[in-house]
Amino acid sequence: MSTLTESLRRLFLNGKVTTEKLEQMQMDGKITAEEFYYITKNSTTSELKIGKQENKM
C-alpha cells in the first residue's frame, strides 16, 4: 500500500481520522475502495465510535 494509505490507517486506528473523512476521500478519488477497506478492515464498531467521539472533543 502507498505511504498515504499507511498513514491514514495509523491515524484511523488512533481515532484521528473518521470513516466519514475516509468516505469523502474515496469519493474525491484520493483513495480507492480497496484502500478504504484496508484502512478500516480490522476495526470494530466500538473503535469506530471511539474515534468519532474523540474527534468531536
N, C-alpha and C. Protein backbone atom coordinates (compact mmCIF):
# COMPACT_ATOMS: atom_id res chain seq x y z
N MET A 1 0.83 -1.18 0.00
CA MET A 1 0.00 0.00 0.00
C MET A 1 0.88 1.26 0.00
N SER A 2 0.27 2.34 -0.41
CA SER A 2 1.00 3.61 -0.51
C SER A 2 1.29 4.19 0.88
N THR A 3 2.19 5.15 0.91
CA THR A 3 2.52 5.83 2.16
C THR A 3 1.29 6.55 2.70
N LEU A 4 0.50 7.16 1.81
CA LEU A 4 -0.72 7.84 2.23
C LEU A 4 -1.68 6.86 2.91
N THR A 5 -1.87 5.71 2.30
CA THR A 5 -2.78 4.71 2.85
C THR A 5 -2.31 4.23 4.22
N GLU A 6 -1.03 3.97 4.35
CA GLU A 6 -0.48 3.52 5.64
C GLU A 6 -0.64 4.60 6.70
N SER A 7 -0.41 5.84 6.32
CA SER A 7 -0.56 6.95 7.27
C SER A 7 -2.02 7.10 7.69
N LEU A 8 -2.93 7.01 6.73
CA LEU A 8 -4.35 7.12 7.05
C LEU A 8 -4.79 5.98 7.95
N ARG A 9 -4.25 4.79 7.73
CA ARG A 9 -4.60 3.64 8.59
C ARG A 9 -4.17 3.89 10.03
N ARG A 10 -2.95 4.37 10.21
CA ARG A 10 -2.47 4.67 11.57
C ARG A 10 -3.35 5.74 12.22
N LEU A 11 -3.65 6.79 11.47
CA LEU A 11 -4.49 7.86 12.00
C LEU A 11 -5.88 7.36 12.34
N PHE A 12 -6.44 6.53 11.48
CA PHE A 12 -7.77 5.97 11.71
C PHE A 12 -7.79 5.11 12.96
N LEU A 13 -6.82 4.24 13.10
CA LEU A 13 -6.77 3.34 14.26
C LEU A 13 -6.54 4.10 15.56
N ASN A 14 -5.95 5.29 15.47
CA ASN A 14 -5.74 6.12 16.65
C ASN A 14 -6.86 7.14 16.85
N GLY A 15 -7.92 7.04 16.05
CA GLY A 15 -9.07 7.91 16.22
C GLY A 15 -8.90 9.32 15.70
N LYS A 16 -7.89 9.55 14.87
CA LYS A 16 -7.62 10.89 14.35
C LYS A 16 -8.31 11.16 13.03
N VAL A 17 -8.78 10.11 12.34
CA VAL A 17 -9.49 10.23 11.07
C VAL A 17 -10.77 9.42 11.18
N THR A 18 -11.88 10.00 10.76
CA THR A 18 -13.18 9.32 10.86
C THR A 18 -13.48 8.56 9.56
N THR A 19 -14.44 7.66 9.66
CA THR A 19 -14.88 6.94 8.46
C THR A 19 -15.50 7.92 7.47
N GLU A 20 -16.15 8.96 7.98
CA GLU A 20 -16.74 9.96 7.09
C GLU A 20 -15.67 10.64 6.25
N LYS A 21 -14.55 10.98 6.88
CA LYS A 21 -13.44 11.62 6.15
C LYS A 21 -12.89 10.66 5.10
N LEU A 22 -12.75 9.40 5.46
CA LEU A 22 -12.24 8.41 4.51
C LEU A 22 -13.21 8.20 3.35
N GLU A 23 -14.50 8.20 3.66
CA GLU A 23 -15.51 8.08 2.59
C GLU A 23 -15.43 9.25 1.64
N GLN A 24 -15.23 10.46 2.19
CA GLN A 24 -15.10 11.64 1.34
C GLN A 24 -13.84 11.55 0.47
N MET A 25 -12.76 11.07 1.04
CA MET A 25 -11.51 10.91 0.28
C MET A 25 -11.70 9.91 -0.84
N GLN A 26 -12.48 8.86 -0.58
CA GLN A 26 -12.75 7.88 -1.63
C GLN A 26 -13.60 8.50 -2.73
N MET A 27 -14.62 9.26 -2.35
CA MET A 27 -15.48 9.91 -3.34
C MET A 27 -14.70 10.92 -4.18
N ASP A 28 -13.71 11.56 -3.56
CA ASP A 28 -12.88 12.54 -4.27
C ASP A 28 -11.78 11.88 -5.12
N GLY A 29 -11.67 10.55 -5.02
CA GLY A 29 -10.68 9.84 -5.81
C GLY A 29 -9.28 9.84 -5.21
N LYS A 30 -9.17 10.22 -3.95
CA LYS A 30 -7.86 10.25 -3.30
C LYS A 30 -7.42 8.88 -2.83
N ILE A 31 -8.40 8.02 -2.48
CA ILE A 31 -8.11 6.63 -2.14
C ILE A 31 -9.12 5.75 -2.87
N THR A 32 -8.74 4.51 -3.09
CA THR A 32 -9.63 3.57 -3.78
C THR A 32 -10.49 2.83 -2.76
N ALA A 33 -11.48 2.11 -3.25
CA ALA A 33 -12.32 1.29 -2.38
C ALA A 33 -11.47 0.23 -1.67
N GLU A 34 -10.50 -0.31 -2.37
CA GLU A 34 -9.61 -1.31 -1.77
C GLU A 34 -8.80 -0.69 -0.63
N GLU A 35 -8.30 0.52 -0.83
CA GLU A 35 -7.55 1.20 0.22
C GLU A 35 -8.45 1.54 1.40
N PHE A 36 -9.68 1.97 1.13
CA PHE A 36 -10.65 2.25 2.20
C PHE A 36 -10.85 1.00 3.05
N TYR A 37 -11.06 -0.13 2.39
CA TYR A 37 -11.25 -1.39 3.11
C TYR A 37 -10.01 -1.73 3.94
N TYR A 38 -8.83 -1.58 3.36
CA TYR A 38 -7.59 -1.88 4.07
C TYR A 38 -7.45 -1.03 5.33
N ILE A 39 -7.79 0.25 5.20
CA ILE A 39 -7.66 1.16 6.33
C ILE A 39 -8.62 0.79 7.45
N THR A 40 -9.83 0.40 7.12
CA THR A 40 -10.87 0.17 8.13
C THR A 40 -11.12 -1.29 8.48
N LYS A 41 -10.49 -2.22 7.82
CA LYS A 41 -10.87 -3.63 7.91
C LYS A 41 -10.80 -4.26 9.29
N ASN A 42 -9.83 -3.94 10.11
CA ASN A 42 -9.68 -4.62 11.39
C ASN A 42 -10.26 -3.84 12.56
N SER A 43 -11.02 -2.81 12.26
CA SER A 43 -11.60 -2.04 13.35
C SER A 43 -12.96 -2.62 13.72
N THR A 44 -13.30 -2.49 14.98
CA THR A 44 -14.61 -2.93 15.44
C THR A 44 -15.54 -1.73 15.48
N THR A 45 -16.80 -1.98 15.63
CA THR A 45 -17.77 -0.90 15.72
C THR A 45 -17.45 0.02 16.89
N SER A 46 -17.03 -0.55 18.02
CA SER A 46 -16.72 0.28 19.18
C SER A 46 -15.52 1.17 18.90
N GLU A 47 -14.53 0.68 18.17
CA GLU A 47 -13.38 1.51 17.82
C GLU A 47 -13.81 2.67 16.94
N LEU A 48 -14.74 2.41 16.02
CA LEU A 48 -15.22 3.47 15.14
C LEU A 48 -15.93 4.54 15.96
N LYS A 49 -16.75 4.13 16.93
CA LYS A 49 -17.46 5.08 17.77
C LYS A 49 -16.50 5.89 18.62
N ILE A 50 -15.47 5.25 19.16
CA ILE A 50 -14.49 5.95 19.98
C ILE A 50 -13.79 7.01 19.14
N GLY A 51 -13.38 6.65 17.95
CA GLY A 51 -12.71 7.60 17.06
C GLY A 51 -13.60 8.79 16.75
N LYS A 52 -14.87 8.57 16.53
CA LYS A 52 -15.80 9.65 16.24
C LYS A 52 -15.96 10.55 17.45
N GLN A 53 -16.05 9.97 18.63
CA GLN A 53 -16.23 10.77 19.84
C GLN A 53 -14.99 11.61 20.14
N GLU A 54 -13.80 11.03 19.96
CA GLU A 54 -12.56 11.76 20.22
C GLU A 54 -12.43 12.95 19.28
N ASN A 55 -12.84 12.79 18.04
CA ASN A 55 -12.73 13.87 17.08
C ASN A 55 -13.70 15.00 17.36
N LYS A 56 -14.78 14.73 18.09
CA LYS A 56 -15.76 15.76 18.40
C LYS A 56 -15.31 16.63 19.56
N MET A 57 -14.39 16.14 20.37
CA MET A 57 -13.95 16.88 21.57
C MET A 57 -13.05 18.03 21.20
